[in-house]
């Protein structure tokens, strides 16, 4: 099953690597680090919508 993980770049900089835990759940993982703050959907709804569409297409 395809899975998309969007992670804030500040989380990755602090050592939180979301890709590792999620890769155990899916062979079709897409991990992307984005420059957004705490509420990605509120800050960049177009990005989130595009990621949802891309996930649905996979």
N, C-alpha and C. Protein backbone atom coordinates (compact mmCIF):
# COMPACT_ATOMS: atom_id res chain seq x y z
N UNK A 1 0.84 -1.17 0.00
CA UNK A 1 0.00 0.00 0.00
C UNK A 1 0.89 1.24 0.00
N UNK A 2 0.60 2.19 -0.87
CA UNK A 2 1.40 3.41 -0.89
C UNK A 2 1.15 4.27 0.36
N UNK A 3 2.22 4.86 0.85
CA UNK A 3 2.17 5.73 2.02
C UNK A 3 2.99 6.97 1.71
N UNK A 4 2.48 8.13 2.08
CA UNK A 4 3.22 9.38 1.95
C UNK A 4 3.43 9.97 3.33
N UNK A 5 4.67 10.33 3.63
CA UNK A 5 5.01 10.96 4.90
C UNK A 5 5.60 12.33 4.59
N UNK A 6 4.97 13.37 5.12
CA UNK A 6 5.50 14.72 5.02
C UNK A 6 6.06 15.08 6.39
N UNK A 7 7.30 15.49 6.41
CA UNK A 7 7.97 15.80 7.67
C UNK A 7 8.52 17.22 7.61
N UNK A 8 8.33 17.95 8.71
CA UNK A 8 8.90 19.29 8.77
C UNK A 8 10.42 19.20 8.81
N UNK A 9 11.06 20.12 8.12
CA UNK A 9 12.53 20.09 8.08
C UNK A 9 13.15 20.31 9.45
N UNK A 10 12.49 21.06 10.32
CA UNK A 10 13.06 21.27 11.66
C UNK A 10 13.04 19.99 12.47
N UNK A 11 12.08 19.11 12.23
CA UNK A 11 12.06 17.83 12.93
C UNK A 11 13.22 16.96 12.51
N UNK A 12 13.51 16.95 11.22
CA UNK A 12 14.65 16.19 10.72
C UNK A 12 15.95 16.76 11.27
N UNK A 13 16.03 18.09 11.37
CA UNK A 13 17.24 18.72 11.90
C UNK A 13 17.45 18.37 13.37
N UNK A 14 16.37 18.09 14.09
CA UNK A 14 16.47 17.71 15.50
C UNK A 14 16.69 16.21 15.70
N UNK A 15 16.78 15.47 14.59
CA UNK A 15 17.08 14.06 14.69
C UNK A 15 15.88 13.13 14.58
N UNK A 16 14.71 13.67 14.30
CA UNK A 16 13.51 12.84 14.11
C UNK A 16 13.44 12.46 12.63
N UNK A 17 13.64 11.20 12.35
CA UNK A 17 13.64 10.72 10.97
C UNK A 17 12.42 9.83 10.76
N UNK A 18 11.36 10.42 10.25
CA UNK A 18 10.07 9.74 10.11
C UNK A 18 10.11 8.60 9.09
N UNK A 19 11.03 8.65 8.18
CA UNK A 19 11.08 7.63 7.13
C UNK A 19 11.32 6.24 7.69
N UNK A 20 12.19 6.12 8.66
CA UNK A 20 12.53 4.81 9.22
C UNK A 20 11.34 4.03 9.74
N UNK A 21 10.58 4.57 10.69
CA UNK A 21 9.44 3.82 11.22
C UNK A 21 8.38 3.51 10.17
N UNK A 22 8.13 4.45 9.26
CA UNK A 22 7.08 4.23 8.27
C UNK A 22 7.48 3.24 7.19
N UNK A 23 8.77 3.08 6.94
CA UNK A 23 9.20 2.15 5.90
C UNK A 23 8.85 0.70 6.25
N UNK A 24 8.67 0.42 7.52
CA UNK A 24 8.25 -0.93 7.91
C UNK A 24 6.80 -1.22 7.52
N UNK A 25 6.03 -0.19 7.28
CA UNK A 25 4.61 -0.35 6.95
C UNK A 25 4.34 -0.43 5.46
N UNK A 26 5.27 0.03 4.65
CA UNK A 26 4.99 0.10 3.21
C UNK A 26 6.27 -0.01 2.40
N UNK A 27 6.19 -0.78 1.33
CA UNK A 27 7.28 -0.85 0.36
C UNK A 27 7.20 0.30 -0.64
N UNK A 28 6.06 0.99 -0.63
CA UNK A 28 5.83 2.09 -1.57
C UNK A 28 5.76 3.41 -0.81
N UNK A 29 6.81 3.69 -0.04
CA UNK A 29 6.86 4.89 0.80
C UNK A 29 7.41 6.07 0.04
N UNK A 30 6.74 7.19 0.17
CA UNK A 30 7.26 8.46 -0.35
C UNK A 30 7.45 9.35 0.87
N UNK A 31 8.68 9.75 1.12
CA UNK A 31 9.01 10.62 2.25
C UNK A 31 9.51 11.94 1.71
N UNK A 32 8.94 12.99 2.24
CA UNK A 32 9.34 14.33 1.77
C UNK A 32 9.52 15.24 2.98
N UNK A 33 10.62 15.95 3.00
CA UNK A 33 10.87 16.94 4.04
C UNK A 33 10.48 18.30 3.49
N UNK A 34 9.64 19.02 4.24
CA UNK A 34 9.13 20.31 3.78
C UNK A 34 9.47 21.41 4.79
N UNK A 35 9.55 22.63 4.30
CA UNK A 35 9.83 23.78 5.15
C UNK A 35 8.52 24.44 5.58
N UNK A 36 7.90 23.86 6.57
CA UNK A 36 6.66 24.40 7.12
C UNK A 36 6.76 24.32 8.62
N UNK A 37 5.89 25.01 9.30
CA UNK A 37 5.91 24.98 10.76
C UNK A 37 5.00 23.87 11.28
N UNK A 38 4.25 24.13 12.29
CA UNK A 38 3.51 23.09 12.99
C UNK A 38 2.26 22.62 12.26
N UNK A 39 1.60 23.50 11.52
CA UNK A 39 0.33 23.14 10.88
C UNK A 39 0.47 23.28 9.38
N UNK A 40 1.01 22.24 8.75
CA UNK A 40 1.31 22.29 7.32
C UNK A 40 0.09 22.60 6.46
N UNK A 41 -1.04 21.99 6.78
CA UNK A 41 -2.24 22.18 5.96
C UNK A 41 -2.72 23.62 5.99
N UNK A 42 -2.56 24.28 7.11
CA UNK A 42 -2.96 25.68 7.21
C UNK A 42 -1.99 26.62 6.55
N UNK A 43 -0.74 26.26 6.53
CA UNK A 43 0.29 27.11 5.95
C UNK A 43 0.40 26.96 4.44
N UNK A 44 0.19 25.75 3.96
CA UNK A 44 0.35 25.50 2.51
C UNK A 44 -0.64 24.42 2.07
N UNK A 45 -1.90 24.81 1.99
CA UNK A 45 -2.93 23.83 1.63
C UNK A 45 -2.74 23.29 0.21
N UNK A 46 -2.15 24.06 -0.67
CA UNK A 46 -1.92 23.57 -2.03
C UNK A 46 -0.91 22.42 -2.05
N UNK A 47 0.13 22.54 -1.25
CA UNK A 47 1.11 21.47 -1.14
C UNK A 47 0.46 20.19 -0.62
N UNK A 48 -0.32 20.31 0.43
CA UNK A 48 -0.96 19.15 1.02
C UNK A 48 -1.94 18.52 0.04
N UNK A 49 -2.73 19.35 -0.64
CA UNK A 49 -3.69 18.83 -1.63
C UNK A 49 -2.96 18.12 -2.76
N UNK A 50 -1.85 18.68 -3.22
CA UNK A 50 -1.08 18.04 -4.29
C UNK A 50 -0.52 16.70 -3.84
N UNK A 51 -0.08 16.62 -2.58
CA UNK A 51 0.45 15.36 -2.06
C UNK A 51 -0.66 14.31 -1.93
N UNK A 52 -1.85 14.73 -1.51
CA UNK A 52 -2.99 13.81 -1.44
C UNK A 52 -3.35 13.29 -2.85
N UNK A 53 -3.37 14.20 -3.83
CA UNK A 53 -3.68 13.77 -5.20
C UNK A 53 -2.62 12.79 -5.71
N UNK A 54 -1.36 13.08 -5.45
CA UNK A 54 -0.28 12.19 -5.90
C UNK A 54 -0.39 10.82 -5.22
N UNK A 55 -0.74 10.83 -3.95
CA UNK A 55 -0.92 9.55 -3.23
C UNK A 55 -2.09 8.76 -3.83
N UNK A 56 -3.18 9.43 -4.11
CA UNK A 56 -4.35 8.74 -4.70
C UNK A 56 -4.02 8.18 -6.09
N UNK A 57 -3.17 8.87 -6.83
CA UNK A 57 -2.80 8.40 -8.16
C UNK A 57 -1.87 7.20 -8.12
N UNK A 58 -1.17 7.02 -6.99
CA UNK A 58 -0.25 5.90 -6.89
C UNK A 58 -1.02 4.64 -6.61
